[in-house]
Amino acid sequence: MKPSGQQVRQPLKAWSDGEESFEPAWSPDGKVNAFYSRRRGGIRLVPALGGAVGQLTDFGSWPAWSPDGTEIAFQSAGLGDVRQTGFDAIPPSTIWIVPVHGGATRQVTQPGNPLGGHGSPSWSPDGTRIAFSSTSTGLGGLWSISAQGGELQRLDKGGSGSFTFNPVFSPR
């Protein structure tokens, strides 16, 4: 029995369907959740208040909403390791962008530039750049690239044994 005036919420089907859903990311307006489906593959969308789960991509993981909510950046590799010490992405993972309301995906980074797998994208507050980590055997780095591709910039000092993960921009 529920107390008067209160709703009892059921878990969203996306999280209780046994399909191994990971990496939830709320849209800027809080109305939609993007997530990675390990069993089905790719990025999925589900309304915040429940409803049908839609497929946005058939590959990739680690969705990150653009500040205006029109696009999602993601890494091309699926989730490989759920341990705390696991890498975000291994080569040849790259960063891609997909429009939320339909349209073609576009590749933003290229394999080998920088070295390693490109993962865990994060949008700048103004939506012009995407930060990401690169990981390879014995090497790691934190990078930024124009959302249009190009203009690659290193954000950390790097070096052997240096690993930086999960970049996040501070608010404006």
Protein backbone atom coordinates (compact mmCIF):
# COMPACT_ATOMS: atom_id res chain seq x y z
CA MET A 1 0.00 0.00 0.00
CA LYS A 2 1.39 3.43 -0.94
CA PRO A 3 1.00 6.54 1.19
CA SER A 4 -1.59 9.00 -0.07
CA GLY A 5 -0.24 11.49 -2.63
CA GLN A 6 2.96 9.57 -3.40
CA GLN A 7 3.85 7.62 -6.50
CA VAL A 8 5.59 4.30 -6.39
CA ARG A 9 8.12 4.14 -9.23
CA GLN A 10 9.05 0.92 -10.92
CA PRO A 11 12.59 0.42 -12.25
CA LEU A 12 12.97 1.44 -15.89
CA LYS A 13 12.83 -1.58 -18.14
CA ALA A 14 16.21 -0.58 -19.58
CA TRP A 15 17.82 -1.32 -16.21
CA SER A 16 15.88 -4.42 -15.25
CA ASP A 17 15.65 -6.36 -18.52
CA GLY A 18 18.82 -8.42 -18.06
CA GLU A 19 20.48 -6.83 -21.09
CA GLU A 20 23.46 -5.47 -19.10
CA SER A 21 22.88 -1.72 -19.40
CA PHE A 22 25.83 0.51 -18.43
CA GLU A 23 27.08 4.08 -18.55
CA PRO A 24 23.84 6.06 -18.15
CA ALA A 25 23.97 9.69 -19.29
CA TRP A 26 21.10 12.12 -18.74
CA SER A 27 20.16 14.58 -21.47
CA PRO A 28 20.74 18.25 -20.53
CA ASP A 29 16.98 18.76 -20.07
CA GLY A 30 16.68 15.59 -17.95
CA LYS A 31 14.02 14.03 -20.21
CA VAL A 32 16.03 11.22 -21.81
CA ASN A 33 18.68 8.78 -20.66
CA ALA A 34 21.30 7.45 -23.07
CA PHE A 35 23.11 4.24 -22.12
CA TYR A 36 25.26 1.44 -23.46
CA SER A 37 23.66 -1.98 -23.88
CA ARG A 38 26.35 -4.62 -23.51
CA ARG A 39 24.25 -7.53 -24.78
CA ARG A 40 22.55 -5.70 -27.65
CA GLY A 41 25.49 -3.46 -28.49
CA GLY A 42 25.43 0.24 -29.14
CA ILE A 43 23.86 3.31 -27.61
CA ARG A 44 20.19 3.26 -26.58
CA LEU A 45 17.77 5.98 -25.45
CA VAL A 46 14.92 5.74 -22.97
CA PRO A 47 12.54 8.47 -21.77
CA ALA A 48 13.17 9.47 -18.14
CA LEU A 49 9.60 8.64 -17.10
CA GLY A 50 9.63 5.29 -18.85
CA GLY A 51 8.59 4.15 -22.29
CA ALA A 52 10.04 2.38 -25.27
CA VAL A 53 13.80 1.95 -25.47
CA GLY A 54 15.15 3.16 -28.80
CA GLN A 55 18.39 2.24 -30.53
CA LEU A 56 20.57 5.21 -31.50
CA THR A 57 23.68 3.31 -32.71
CA ASP A 58 24.54 -0.34 -33.23
CA PHE A 59 28.12 0.09 -31.97
CA GLY A 60 29.98 2.05 -29.33
CA SER A 61 29.63 2.94 -25.68
CA TRP A 62 30.21 5.73 -23.16
CA PRO A 63 27.57 8.22 -24.41
CA ALA A 64 28.08 11.93 -23.65
CA TRP A 65 25.39 14.52 -24.50
CA SER A 66 26.29 17.78 -26.22
CA PRO A 67 25.36 20.81 -24.09
CA ASP A 68 22.42 21.64 -26.39
CA GLY A 69 21.17 18.04 -26.32
CA THR A 70 21.22 17.57 -30.10
CA GLU A 71 24.18 15.19 -30.36
CA ILE A 72 25.89 12.41 -28.45
CA ALA A 73 29.63 11.75 -28.56
CA PHE A 74 30.71 8.17 -27.85
CA GLN A 75 33.64 5.79 -28.13
CA SER A 76 33.49 3.20 -30.90
CA ALA A 77 34.58 0.30 -28.68
CA GLY A 78 32.12 -1.36 -26.38
CA LEU A 79 32.71 -1.70 -22.67
CA GLY A 80 35.50 -4.24 -22.31
CA ASP A 81 36.26 -4.23 -18.62
CA VAL A 82 33.97 -3.23 -15.74
CA ARG A 83 36.70 -3.34 -13.09
CA GLN A 84 37.76 -0.09 -11.43
CA THR A 85 41.25 -0.53 -12.86
CA GLY A 86 40.05 -1.31 -16.41
CA PHE A 87 40.88 0.98 -19.32
CA ASP A 88 38.18 3.16 -20.87
CA ALA A 89 38.97 1.99 -24.39
CA ILE A 90 41.63 -0.04 -26.13
CA PRO A 91 42.93 0.43 -29.69
CA PRO A 92 41.47 0.90 -32.26
CA SER A 93 38.60 2.69 -30.46
CA THR A 94 37.89 6.21 -31.75
CA ILE A 95 35.47 9.02 -30.87
CA TRP A 96 32.27 9.43 -32.89
CA ILE A 97 29.26 11.79 -32.83
CA VAL A 98 25.65 10.91 -33.67
CA PRO A 99 22.70 13.32 -33.98
CA VAL A 100 20.02 12.42 -31.44
CA HIS A 101 17.07 13.02 -33.79
CA GLY A 102 18.39 11.13 -36.79
CA GLY A 103 21.27 11.45 -39.18
CA ALA A 104 24.59 9.86 -39.95
CA THR A 105 27.27 9.18 -37.36
CA ARG A 106 30.58 10.88 -37.97
CA GLN A 107 34.05 9.89 -36.83
CA VAL A 108 35.89 12.65 -34.93
CA THR A 109 39.24 11.00 -34.07
CA GLN A 110 41.36 8.71 -36.22
CA PRO A 111 43.09 5.47 -35.14
CA GLY A 112 46.69 6.12 -34.08
CA ASN A 113 46.25 9.91 -33.72
CA PRO A 114 46.87 10.02 -30.83
CA LEU A 115 48.25 6.56 -30.04
CA GLY A 116 45.96 4.24 -28.12
CA GLY A 117 42.27 3.65 -27.80
CA HIS A 118 40.17 6.80 -27.60
CA GLY A 119 37.47 6.75 -24.93
CA SER A 120 35.32 8.46 -22.31
CA PRO A 121 34.38 11.58 -24.29
CA SER A 122 33.24 14.77 -22.52
CA TRP A 123 31.85 17.92 -24.22
CA SER A 124 33.13 21.39 -23.41
CA PRO A 125 30.39 23.66 -21.94
CA ASP A 126 30.21 25.64 -25.21
CA GLY A 127 29.95 22.46 -27.32
CA THR A 128 32.95 23.26 -29.50
CA ARG A 129 35.41 20.67 -28.16
CA ILE A 130 35.45 17.11 -26.87
CA ALA A 131 37.94 15.89 -24.27
CA PHE A 132 38.83 12.20 -24.24
CA SER A 133 41.38 9.78 -22.85
CA SER A 134 43.76 7.67 -24.89
CA THR A 135 45.15 4.41 -23.54
CA SER A 136 47.71 1.97 -24.86
CA THR A 137 50.18 -0.43 -23.29
CA GLY A 138 52.29 1.69 -20.96
CA LEU A 139 50.96 4.98 -22.32
CA GLY A 140 47.98 7.17 -21.64
CA GLY A 141 46.89 10.70 -22.19
CA LEU A 142 44.21 13.32 -21.97
CA TRP A 143 43.31 15.07 -25.19
CA SER A 144 40.88 17.61 -26.66
CA ILE A 145 39.64 17.83 -30.25
CA SER A 146 37.31 20.14 -32.11
CA ALA A 147 33.78 18.71 -32.29
CA GLN A 148 34.17 19.03 -36.07
CA GLY A 149 37.39 16.95 -36.00
CA GLY A 150 40.94 18.28 -36.21
CA GLU A 151 42.70 20.71 -33.89
CA LEU A 152 43.96 17.93 -31.61
CA GLN A 153 45.47 19.24 -28.35
CA ARG A 154 47.23 17.38 -25.53
CA LEU A 155 45.86 18.39 -22.11
CA ASP A 156 48.28 16.54 -19.81
CA LYS A 157 52.04 16.03 -19.65
CA GLY A 158 51.80 12.34 -20.53
CA GLY A 159 54.75 10.00 -20.48
CA SER A 160 55.31 6.33 -19.80
CA GLY A 161 53.12 4.99 -17.01
CA SER A 162 50.91 8.10 -17.07
CA PHE A 163 47.20 7.33 -17.24
CA THR A 164 44.41 9.86 -17.08
CA PHE A 165 40.80 8.69 -17.30
CA ASN A 166 37.28 10.07 -17.55
CA PRO A 167 37.83 13.75 -18.39
CA VAL A 168 35.13 16.17 -17.24
CA PHE A 169 34.88 19.87 -18.01
CA SER A 170 34.03 22.23 -15.20
CA PRO A 171 30.84 24.28 -15.64
CA ARG A 172 31.12 27.60 -17.42
